[in-house]
């Protein structure tokens, strides 16, 4: 059921939010102190008040609940707490340096919105950066455009390792946003994050877009079909399958993860979100104003709970159990050149019959690098350092409409060929979305492995490979919430 609101001013009604204050514990964990950073001087910040006019205000979020010299939580009666909320924390971002005992360590995963598409400075103006400001060196935003939850769910260790995240690093708050790009693998990602960072506040961010969720009244034509026309009478489309799936995700986030759900409030009419300036000109990605509203509204929700505030500012946060020679319970080894354009050199990786191409070659500031295979096909060589056989997953570009990718036959080490159809993707409610998908194609052995890729037909586009994944957590994959993955 959608959360309807008649006004954007003030704090959104509590029925629009799902809060859960359960704190779970994990065994075999270690404890460390969080890193500290320099505090900037006291300043006045500009914030967006619920989509209305911008104005200046001082923000002192955490000083209400915590002594800057101590992480001991204040004991507040509910009435006193409510009074101080009303008088002292009427907004939520960016938290001034003297209003919190230390910088927040922020980790985020998501698609192009969280990545920062359509904002002028994505390194400062997305909601994770706004919430972590002014200490941006404490924000790790690992969102990837055109990518769903399956990639980070399989490659979490590789992502953190490539970014040189210290082995003893902990996080205060973790944002996960994948509704728009596909949620296959989401339960596995949340489980791995919970294992690595058992004391972090994990928030599943449910976003929507006017492009993907609005239809023309009377005709049910989508924005994809008509175009972003403000003169049309747009209404929200019904999507019962997605609604049912999100109910399952909510129960999982609350029950097993001990996390929180946040949904971007939906106005009564889609056009109101456009009039408020929440979305960019494509009606799909949040604008700078939209990111500001999201950051403020989400932190206002979270900081309405003293328990959440205490968890956020606690100095002692455990990291995952140290099994074998490192802290990770499940190991992965992934190659992904989609954003970097860096293909590993031999003997780790080698390819023939393909060319590395940037799909955004006309844009000097953005990149989407892919290996394009010729109609005659080719092969890749992958070196596995695992001591035994592990599943191999390929990442490749997909789009349902138009269906212009060829079917391809993939075979690992000459065994058990399978056919990949790039004209089907995880984002069924956005058939024109051009995103990466991931499919397990076989098992690789220790050492060198040869994977042949043979197009079975010729179409307008060439088969485009974005990465290769070796994931040694097959048992964890089987134990995932299969019914959720299949619906995503």
Protein backbone atom coordinates (compact mmCIF):
# COMPACT_ATOMS: atom_id res chain seq x y z
CA UNK A 1 0.00 0.00 0.00
CA UNK A 2 1.43 3.37 -1.00
CA UNK A 3 1.97 6.10 1.55
CA UNK A 4 -0.18 9.05 0.47
CA UNK A 5 0.40 12.55 1.79
CA UNK A 6 -1.57 15.72 1.19
CA UNK A 7 1.19 18.13 2.19
CA UNK A 8 4.97 18.09 1.96
CA UNK A 9 5.49 20.59 4.80
CA UNK A 10 6.73 19.52 8.20
CA UNK A 11 7.44 15.99 9.33
CA UNK A 12 5.73 13.20 7.39
CA UNK A 13 3.18 11.21 9.40
CA UNK A 14 4.68 8.31 11.27
CA UNK A 15 2.44 5.86 9.41
CA UNK A 16 4.56 6.48 6.33
CA UNK A 17 7.57 4.89 8.02
CA UNK A 18 8.42 1.43 9.20
CA UNK A 19 10.59 1.46 12.31
CA UNK A 20 12.15 -1.44 14.06
CA UNK A 21 14.33 -1.01 17.12
CA UNK A 22 15.46 -4.60 17.50
CA UNK A 23 19.22 -4.93 18.07
CA UNK A 24 20.63 -8.35 17.25
CA UNK A 25 23.95 -9.69 18.45
CA UNK A 26 26.45 -11.99 16.80
CA UNK A 27 28.93 -14.40 18.25
CA UNK A 28 32.65 -14.58 17.49
CA UNK A 29 32.96 -10.84 16.94
CA UNK A 30 35.74 -8.44 17.77
CA UNK A 31 35.51 -4.84 18.94
CA UNK A 32 37.38 -1.74 17.84
CA UNK A 33 37.24 2.02 18.21
CA UNK A 34 35.94 3.98 15.25
CA UNK A 35 38.21 6.41 13.46
CA UNK A 36 37.94 10.07 14.35
CA UNK A 37 38.26 13.08 12.09
CA UNK A 38 38.82 16.79 12.36
CA UNK A 39 35.77 18.89 13.23
CA UNK A 40 34.96 21.96 11.16
CA UNK A 41 33.98 25.22 12.77
CA UNK A 42 30.39 25.87 13.75
CA UNK A 43 28.36 27.04 10.80
CA UNK A 44 24.85 27.61 9.55
CA UNK A 45 23.59 25.29 6.82
CA UNK A 46 20.87 25.52 4.21
CA UNK A 47 18.29 22.74 4.12
CA UNK A 48 15.12 21.96 2.22
CA UNK A 49 12.09 21.83 4.52
CA UNK A 50 9.90 19.02 3.27
CA UNK A 51 10.01 20.21 -0.31
CA UNK A 52 9.06 23.79 0.58
CA UNK A 53 11.26 26.90 0.57
CA UNK A 54 14.92 26.73 1.57
CA UNK A 55 15.99 28.49 4.74
CA UNK A 56 18.89 28.56 7.20
CA UNK A 57 18.85 26.65 10.44
CA UNK A 58 21.30 25.34 13.03
CA UNK A 59 21.33 21.57 13.43
CA UNK A 60 22.39 19.86 16.64
CA UNK A 61 21.13 16.32 16.18
CA UNK A 62 23.21 14.23 18.47
CA UNK A 63 23.91 16.75 21.23
CA UNK A 64 20.38 16.10 22.49
CA UNK A 65 21.18 12.50 23.29
CA UNK A 66 24.91 12.26 23.82
CA UNK A 67 27.61 14.11 25.68
CA UNK A 68 30.36 15.02 23.15
CA UNK A 69 32.95 13.75 25.65
CA UNK A 70 31.20 10.43 26.12
CA UNK A 71 29.14 7.94 24.15
CA UNK A 72 26.96 7.21 27.15
CA UNK A 73 23.32 7.59 26.16
CA UNK A 74 21.24 10.13 28.08
CA UNK A 75 18.24 8.79 29.97
CA UNK A 76 15.23 10.70 28.69
CA UNK A 77 11.57 10.28 29.49
CA UNK A 78 9.39 10.04 26.40
CA UNK A 79 7.75 13.42 27.01
CA UNK A 80 11.10 15.13 27.51
CA UNK A 81 12.45 13.41 24.42
CA UNK A 82 9.53 14.61 22.32
CA UNK A 83 9.93 18.17 23.58
CA UNK A 84 13.63 18.21 22.76
CA UNK A 85 12.97 16.73 19.32
CA UNK A 86 10.53 19.53 18.57
CA UNK A 87 12.82 22.28 19.86
CA UNK A 88 16.29 21.09 18.87
CA UNK A 89 16.31 18.69 15.91
CA UNK A 90 13.76 19.96 13.45
CA UNK A 91 15.88 18.77 10.52
CA UNK A 92 18.42 16.10 9.94
CA UNK A 93 21.28 16.97 7.62
CA UNK A 94 24.05 17.84 7.35
CA UNK A 95 24.85 17.39 11.02
CA UNK A 96 27.14 20.15 12.23
CA UNK A 97 30.50 19.05 13.57
CA UNK A 98 29.83 20.33 17.10
CA UNK A 99 26.42 18.62 17.15
CA UNK A 100 27.77 15.08 17.15
CA UNK A 101 30.59 13.54 19.17
CA UNK A 102 32.45 12.39 16.04
CA UNK A 103 32.00 11.93 12.28
CA UNK A 104 29.56 9.29 11.12
CA UNK A 105 31.04 6.40 9.15
CA UNK A 106 28.63 5.88 6.24
CA UNK A 107 28.51 2.98 3.76
CA UNK A 108 26.09 2.83 0.84
CA UNK A 109 25.17 0.46 -1.98
CA UNK A 110 22.67 1.12 -4.74
CA UNK A 111 22.08 2.01 -8.35
CA UNK A 112 22.37 5.19 -10.38
CA UNK A 113 20.36 7.37 -7.97
CA UNK A 114 22.64 6.59 -5.03
CA UNK A 115 25.62 6.81 -7.40
CA UNK A 116 24.61 10.40 -8.18
CA UNK A 117 23.36 10.44 -11.76
CA UNK A 118 21.97 13.82 -12.81
CA UNK A 119 23.47 15.85 -9.93
CA UNK A 120 26.19 18.37 -10.68
CA UNK A 121 28.65 17.03 -8.09
CA UNK A 122 27.96 13.42 -7.23
CA UNK A 123 30.82 13.29 -4.72
CA UNK A 124 29.06 15.80 -2.48
CA UNK A 125 25.37 16.04 -3.40
CA UNK A 126 23.98 12.51 -3.04
CA UNK A 127 22.08 11.56 0.10
CA UNK A 128 24.91 9.43 1.62
CA UNK A 129 27.34 12.34 1.26
CA UNK A 130 24.81 14.84 2.61
CA UNK A 131 24.21 12.69 5.68
CA UNK A 132 27.95 12.24 6.24
CA UNK A 133 28.82 15.91 5.61
CA UNK A 134 31.06 17.67 6.35
CA UNK A 135 33.27 14.60 6.92
CA UNK A 136 33.12 13.19 3.40
CA UNK A 137 36.27 11.15 3.97
CA UNK A 138 34.11 9.00 6.27
CA UNK A 139 31.61 8.21 3.50
CA UNK A 140 32.11 5.14 1.28
CA UNK A 141 29.57 5.19 -1.55
CA UNK A 142 29.89 1.98 -3.56
CA UNK A 143 26.77 2.43 -5.69
CA UNK A 144 27.11 1.40 -9.35
CA UNK A 145 24.93 2.63 -12.18
CA UNK A 146 22.72 0.21 -14.10
CA UNK A 147 23.43 -2.52 -11.55
CA UNK A 148 21.15 -4.40 -9.17
CA UNK A 149 21.75 -6.04 -5.81
CA UNK A 150 23.12 -9.27 -7.26
CA UNK A 151 26.58 -7.85 -8.02
CA UNK A 152 27.44 -6.50 -4.53
CA UNK A 153 25.76 -9.52 -2.95
CA UNK A 154 28.26 -11.78 -4.73
CA UNK A 155 31.26 -9.42 -4.70
CA UNK A 156 31.12 -7.59 -1.38
CA UNK A 157 34.60 -8.65 -0.30
CA UNK A 158 36.11 -7.70 -3.67
CA UNK A 159 34.42 -4.29 -3.61
CA UNK A 160 35.73 -3.47 -0.15
CA UNK A 161 39.18 -4.82 -0.95
CA UNK A 162 39.52 -2.86 -4.21
CA UNK A 163 38.50 0.32 -2.38
CA UNK A 164 41.19 -0.40 0.22
CA UNK A 165 38.74 -0.34 3.12
CA UNK A 166 40.84 -1.13 6.23
CA UNK A 167 40.22 -4.64 7.60
CA UNK A 168 39.27 -3.19 10.98
CA UNK A 169 36.94 -0.53 9.58
CA UNK A 170 33.43 -0.33 11.02
CA UNK A 171 30.41 1.66 9.90
CA UNK A 172 27.71 3.48 11.84
CA UNK A 173 25.03 3.42 9.15
CA UNK A 174 24.62 1.42 5.93
CA UNK A 175 22.20 2.38 3.14
CA UNK A 176 20.99 -0.21 0.62
CA UNK A 177 18.92 1.02 -2.36
CA UNK A 178 18.00 -1.34 -5.21
CA UNK A 179 14.26 -1.10 -5.95
CA UNK A 180 14.80 0.62 -9.29
CA UNK A 181 17.60 -1.61 -10.67
CA UNK A 182 16.58 -5.06 -9.47
CA UNK A 183 16.62 -6.78 -6.08
CA UNK A 184 17.82 -10.25 -7.01
CA UNK A 185 20.40 -11.22 -4.39
CA UNK A 186 19.21 -8.60 -1.90
CA UNK A 187 18.75 -11.02 1.04
CA UNK A 188 22.27 -12.37 0.51
CA UNK A 189 23.71 -8.83 0.44
CA UNK A 190 21.90 -7.85 3.64
CA UNK A 191 23.05 -11.03 5.39
CA UNK A 192 26.66 -10.44 4.43
CA UNK A 193 26.53 -6.81 5.57
CA UNK A 194 24.96 -7.87 8.86
CA UNK A 195 27.70 -10.43 9.38
CA UNK A 196 30.54 -8.02 8.58
CA UNK A 197 29.08 -5.07 10.50
CA UNK A 198 26.73 -6.48 13.18
CA UNK A 199 26.33 -3.20 15.09
CA UNK A 200 25.72 -0.88 12.12
CA UNK A 201 22.29 0.64 11.55
CA UNK A 202 21.20 -0.94 8.23
CA UNK A 203 18.55 0.96 6.26
CA UNK A 204 16.80 -0.36 3.16
CA UNK A 205 15.90 2.68 1.04
CA UNK A 206 12.78 2.20 -1.06
CA UNK A 207 12.76 4.67 -3.94
CA UNK A 208 10.35 5.15 -6.80
CA UNK A 209 10.35 7.30 -9.92
CA UNK A 210 7.71 9.14 -11.88
CA UNK A 211 9.16 7.57 -15.03
CA UNK A 212 8.63 4.03 -13.77
CA UNK A 213 5.57 4.38 -11.53
CA UNK A 214 3.19 6.79 -13.30
CA UNK A 215 0.69 6.16 -16.09
CA UNK A 216 -1.67 8.42 -18.03
CA UNK A 217 -5.17 8.46 -16.57
CA UNK A 218 -7.61 6.57 -18.76
CA UNK A 219 -5.07 5.10 -21.19
CA UNK A 220 -2.50 3.57 -18.80
CA UNK A 221 0.25 4.68 -21.15
CA UNK A 222 3.58 4.98 -19.34
CA UNK A 223 5.99 7.90 -19.29
CA UNK A 224 8.28 5.71 -21.43
CA UNK A 225 5.58 5.65 -24.11
CA UNK A 226 4.38 9.25 -23.89
CA UNK A 227 7.43 11.10 -22.67
CA UNK A 228 7.88 13.37 -19.61
CA UNK A 229 4.97 15.74 -20.36
CA UNK A 230 3.77 17.85 -17.40
CA UNK A 231 0.48 18.65 -19.13
CA UNK A 232 -0.72 15.04 -18.96
CA UNK A 233 -2.89 13.82 -16.08
CA UNK A 234 -0.55 11.28 -14.50
CA UNK A 235 -1.69 8.79 -11.83
CA UNK A 236 0.19 6.10 -9.91
CA UNK A 237 0.15 2.66 -11.51
CA UNK A 238 -0.76 -0.43 -9.50
CA UNK A 239 2.06 -2.92 -9.12
CA UNK A 240 0.75 -5.67 -6.81
CA UNK A 241 3.67 -8.04 -7.43
CA UNK A 242 6.23 -5.41 -6.39
CA UNK A 243 4.11 -4.46 -3.39
CA UNK A 244 3.93 -8.08 -2.28
CA UNK A 245 7.65 -8.54 -2.79
CA UNK A 246 8.45 -5.45 -0.71
CA UNK A 247 6.28 -6.81 2.10
CA UNK A 248 8.51 -9.86 2.15
CA UNK A 249 11.62 -7.67 2.13
CA UNK A 250 10.20 -5.62 5.01
CA UNK A 251 9.65 -8.71 7.13
CA UNK A 252 13.17 -9.91 6.30
CA UNK A 253 14.83 -6.56 7.08
CA UNK A 254 12.96 -6.18 10.35
CA UNK A 255 13.08 -9.79 11.52
CA UNK A 256 16.40 -11.30 10.48
CA UNK A 257 18.56 -8.22 9.86
CA UNK A 258 17.22 -6.05 12.68
CA UNK A 259 17.24 -3.13 10.27
CA UNK A 260 14.96 -0.34 9.12
CA UNK A 261 12.85 0.46 6.07
CA UNK A 262 12.53 3.93 4.62
CA UNK A 263 10.25 4.81 1.72
CA UNK A 264 10.44 8.10 -0.12
CA UNK A 265 6.98 9.61 0.52
CA UNK A 266 4.68 9.61 -2.50
CA UNK A 267 2.46 12.63 -3.14
CA UNK A 268 -1.18 12.16 -4.06
CA UNK A 269 -0.40 13.00 -7.69
CA UNK A 270 2.85 12.14 -9.52
CA UNK A 271 3.14 15.62 -11.00
CA UNK A 272 3.55 17.08 -7.50
CA UNK A 273 6.94 15.38 -7.20
CA UNK A 274 7.98 17.07 -10.45
CA UNK A 275 6.66 20.44 -9.32
CA UNK A 276 8.59 20.15 -6.07
CA UNK A 277 11.77 19.63 -8.05
CA UNK A 278 12.53 16.20 -6.62
CA UNK A 279 13.44 14.66 -9.99
CA UNK A 280 15.78 15.52 -12.82
CA UNK A 281 14.52 16.17 -16.34
CA UNK A 282 14.39 12.42 -17.08
CA UNK A 283 11.81 11.90 -14.27
CA UNK A 284 13.84 8.88 -13.19
CA UNK A 285 16.77 10.15 -11.12
CA UNK A 286 16.56 12.35 -8.08
CA UNK A 287 17.65 15.95 -8.50
CA UNK A 288 19.86 17.79 -6.03
CA UNK A 289 16.70 18.98 -4.27
CA UNK A 290 15.43 15.40 -4.22
CA UNK A 291 18.62 14.14 -2.60
CA UNK A 292 18.42 16.91 -0.01
CA UNK A 293 14.84 16.05 0.86
CA UNK A 294 15.64 12.33 1.01
CA UNK A 295 18.61 12.88 3.33
CA UNK A 296 16.67 15.19 5.64
CA UNK A 297 13.51 13.10 5.76
CA UNK A 298 15.31 9.78 6.27
CA UNK A 299 17.50 11.09 9.09
CA UNK A 300 14.49 12.73 10.70
CA UNK A 301 12.81 9.33 10.77
CA UNK A 302 15.84 7.54 12.17
CA UNK A 303 16.69 10.11 14.82
CA UNK A 304 13.14 10.05 16.16
CA UNK A 305 14.23 6.90 17.99
CA UNK A 306 16.68 7.31 20.93
CA UNK A 307 17.76 3.71 20.40
CA UNK A 308 18.84 4.43 16.82
CA UNK A 309 20.70 7.56 17.86
CA UNK A 310 22.56 5.64 20.55
CA UNK A 311 23.50 2.92 18.04
CA UNK A 312 24.71 5.50 15.53
CA UNK A 313 27.06 7.29 17.90
CA UNK A 314 28.32 4.30 19.87
CA UNK A 315 32.12 4.24 19.71
CA UNK A 316 32.43 0.49 20.07
CA UNK A 317 31.33 -1.43 17.01
CA UNK A 318 32.17 -5.01 16.28
CA UNK A 319 33.38 -6.42 13.00
CA UNK A 320 32.63 -9.85 11.55
CA UNK A 321 34.01 -13.06 12.98
CA UNK A 322 37.61 -13.88 12.14
CA UNK A 323 37.31 -17.30 10.61
CA UNK A 324 40.38 -18.85 8.99
CA UNK A 325 42.92 -16.13 8.09
CA UNK A 326 40.57 -13.18 7.57
CA UNK A 327 37.32 -11.72 8.79
CA UNK A 328 35.08 -12.79 5.92
CA UNK A 329 32.76 -15.75 6.31
CA UNK A 330 32.35 -16.15 2.52
CA UNK A 331 35.07 -15.36 0.01
CA UNK A 332 34.62 -13.92 -3.50
CA UNK A 333 36.87 -12.89 -6.35
CA UNK A 334 35.38 -10.52 -8.93
CA UNK A 335 36.56 -8.63 -12.01
CA UNK A 336 34.40 -5.66 -13.03
CA UNK A 337 35.51 -3.06 -15.57
CA UNK A 338 32.10 -1.41 -16.05
CA UNK A 339 33.13 1.89 -14.45
CA UNK A 340 36.91 1.70 -14.33
CA UNK A 341 37.66 0.38 -17.80
CA UNK A 342 40.45 -1.69 -16.22
CA UNK A 343 40.59 -5.30 -17.38
CA UNK A 344 42.93 -7.45 -15.26
CA UNK A 345 46.11 -8.53 -17.05
CA UNK A 346 47.11 -12.15 -17.69
CA UNK A 347 47.30 -14.63 -16.10
CA UNK A 348 44.32 -13.44 -14.01
CA UNK A 349 42.23 -12.63 -17.07
CA UNK A 350 42.62 -12.79 -20.83
CA UNK A 351 40.22 -12.37 -23.78
CA UNK A 352 40.06 -12.78 -27.56
CA UNK A 353 37.33 -11.95 -30.07
CA UNK A 354 36.17 -8.88 -28.15
CA UNK A 355 36.97 -5.18 -27.88
CA UNK A 356 36.83 -2.95 -24.81
CA UNK A 357 34.41 -0.10 -25.51
CA UNK A 358 32.98 2.85 -23.58
CA UNK A 359 29.23 3.10 -24.27
CA UNK A 360 29.33 6.73 -23.15
CA UNK A 361 32.24 7.72 -25.36
CA UNK A 362 30.49 10.98 -26.26
CA UNK A 363 30.41 12.03 -22.61
CA UNK A 364 33.91 12.92 -21.36
CA UNK A 365 32.91 12.78 -17.68
CA UNK A 366 31.03 9.46 -17.49
CA UNK A 367 31.99 5.93 -18.47
CA UNK A 368 30.41 2.51 -19.04
CA UNK A 369 33.10 0.12 -20.16
CA UNK A 370 32.18 -3.24 -21.70
CA UNK A 371 33.78 -6.06 -23.66
CA UNK A 372 31.87 -6.30 -26.96
CA UNK A 373 32.10 -9.72 -28.59
CA UNK A 374 32.17 -9.97 -32.37
CA UNK A 375 29.43 -11.90 -34.22
CA UNK A 376 31.93 -14.70 -34.66
CA UNK A 377 32.35 -15.07 -30.90
CA UNK A 378 35.42 -15.36 -28.73
CA UNK A 379 36.60 -16.55 -25.34
CA UNK A 380 37.93 -15.42 -21.99
CA UNK A 381 40.47 -17.08 -19.72
CA UNK A 382 39.97 -16.79 -15.97
CA UNK A 383 42.48 -17.88 -13.35
CA UNK A 384 40.97 -19.18 -10.11
CA UNK A 385 42.99 -19.13 -6.89
CA UNK A 386 40.36 -21.06 -4.95
CA UNK A 387 41.46 -24.50 -3.71
CA UNK A 388 38.42 -26.22 -5.22
CA UNK A 389 35.64 -25.75 -7.79
CA UNK A 390 33.52 -22.61 -7.42
CA UNK A 391 30.57 -21.23 -9.44
CA UNK A 392 31.31 -18.72 -12.19
CA UNK A 393 28.88 -15.87 -12.90
CA UNK A 394 28.99 -13.52 -15.89
CA UNK A 395 27.78 -9.93 -15.84
CA UNK A 396 26.41 -8.56 -19.11
CA UNK A 397 24.20 -5.78 -20.44
CA UNK A 398 20.47 -6.50 -20.78
CA UNK A 399 17.39 -4.67 -22.01
CA UNK A 400 13.90 -6.05 -22.56
CA UNK A 401 12.61 -3.41 -24.97
CA UNK A 402 13.83 -3.11 -27.65
CA UNK A 403 15.14 -6.68 -27.90
CA UNK A 404 18.30 -6.00 -29.89
CA UNK A 405 20.86 -8.28 -28.22
CA UNK A 406 21.76 -11.70 -29.69
CA UNK A 407 21.29 -14.94 -27.81
CA UNK A 408 24.69 -16.36 -26.88
CA UNK A 409 25.94 -19.83 -26.03
CA UNK A 410 28.37 -19.94 -23.11
CA UNK A 411 30.47 -22.97 -22.19
CA UNK A 412 32.93 -23.34 -19.29
CA UNK A 413 35.92 -25.61 -19.99
CA UNK A 414 34.02 -27.33 -22.80
CA UNK A 415 31.22 -28.65 -20.60
CA UNK A 416 27.47 -28.08 -20.26
CA UNK A 417 26.72 -25.19 -22.64
CA UNK A 418 23.98 -22.77 -21.62
CA UNK A 419 22.18 -20.04 -23.56
CA UNK A 420 22.00 -16.47 -22.25
CA UNK A 421 19.18 -14.18 -23.36
CA UNK A 422 20.23 -10.52 -22.82
CA UNK A 423 16.73 -9.36 -23.79
CA UNK A 424 15.37 -10.21 -20.35
CA UNK A 425 16.46 -8.31 -17.25
CA UNK A 426 15.70 -8.03 -13.54
CA UNK A 427 13.83 -4.75 -13.79
CA UNK A 428 10.59 -6.05 -15.31
CA UNK A 429 8.60 -2.94 -14.37
CA UNK A 430 11.08 -0.85 -16.43
CA UNK A 431 11.36 -2.85 -19.67
CA UNK A 432 13.38 -0.16 -21.45
CA UNK A 433 15.97 0.04 -18.67
CA UNK A 434 19.45 -0.75 -19.94
CA UNK A 435 21.13 -2.49 -17.00
CA UNK A 436 23.59 -5.24 -16.12
CA UNK A 437 22.37 -8.73 -15.26
CA UNK A 438 24.27 -11.64 -13.74
CA UNK A 439 23.88 -15.35 -14.49
CA UNK A 440 25.75 -18.37 -13.17
CA UNK A 441 27.13 -20.22 -16.20
CA UNK A 442 29.09 -23.11 -14.68
CA UNK A 443 31.94 -24.07 -12.34
CA UNK A 444 35.61 -23.17 -12.61
CA UNK A 445 38.48 -25.31 -11.37
CA UNK A 446 41.67 -24.15 -9.62
CA UNK A 447 44.04 -22.57 -12.15
CA UNK A 448 43.23 -21.56 -15.73
CA UNK A 449 39.69 -21.88 -17.12
CA UNK A 450 38.44 -21.16 -20.65
CA UNK A 451 34.94 -19.76 -21.18
CA UNK A 452 33.73 -19.61 -24.79
CA UNK A 453 31.11 -17.02 -25.79
CA UNK A 454 29.37 -17.67 -29.12
CA UNK A 455 26.53 -15.46 -30.44
CA UNK A 456 23.77 -17.61 -31.95
CA UNK A 457 22.36 -14.86 -34.18
CA UNK A 458 23.09 -11.36 -35.40
CA UNK A 459 21.14 -8.39 -34.07
CA UNK A 460 21.78 -4.67 -33.89
CA UNK A 461 23.80 -4.78 -30.67
CA UNK A 462 26.77 -6.97 -29.82
CA UNK A 463 26.92 -9.10 -26.66
CA UNK A 464 28.48 -6.93 -23.95
CA UNK A 465 30.33 -8.40 -20.97
CA UNK A 466 30.69 -6.21 -17.86
CA UNK A 467 32.46 -8.55 -15.45
CA UNK A 468 33.26 -12.00 -14.11
CA UNK A 469 32.42 -13.32 -10.64
CA UNK A 470 33.78 -16.28 -8.68
CA UNK A 471 31.78 -16.76 -5.50
CA UNK A 472 32.78 -19.43 -3.00
CA UNK A 473 29.56 -19.17 -1.02
CA UNK A 474 27.39 -21.62 -2.92
CA UNK A 475 25.84 -22.95 0.27
CA UNK A 476 25.01 -19.39 1.31
CA UNK A 477 23.44 -18.86 -2.10
CA UNK A 478 21.24 -21.93 -1.69
CA UNK A 479 20.16 -20.78 1.77
CA UNK A 480 19.15 -17.36 0.47
CA UNK A 481 15.50 -16.38 0.35
CA UNK A 482 14.90 -18.08 -2.97
CA UNK A 483 11.27 -17.01 -3.15
CA UNK A 484 12.33 -13.38 -2.84
CA UNK A 485 15.08 -13.69 -5.43
CA UNK A 486 12.71 -15.29 -7.93
CA UNK A 487 10.16 -12.51 -7.57
CA UNK A 488 12.66 -9.67 -7.78
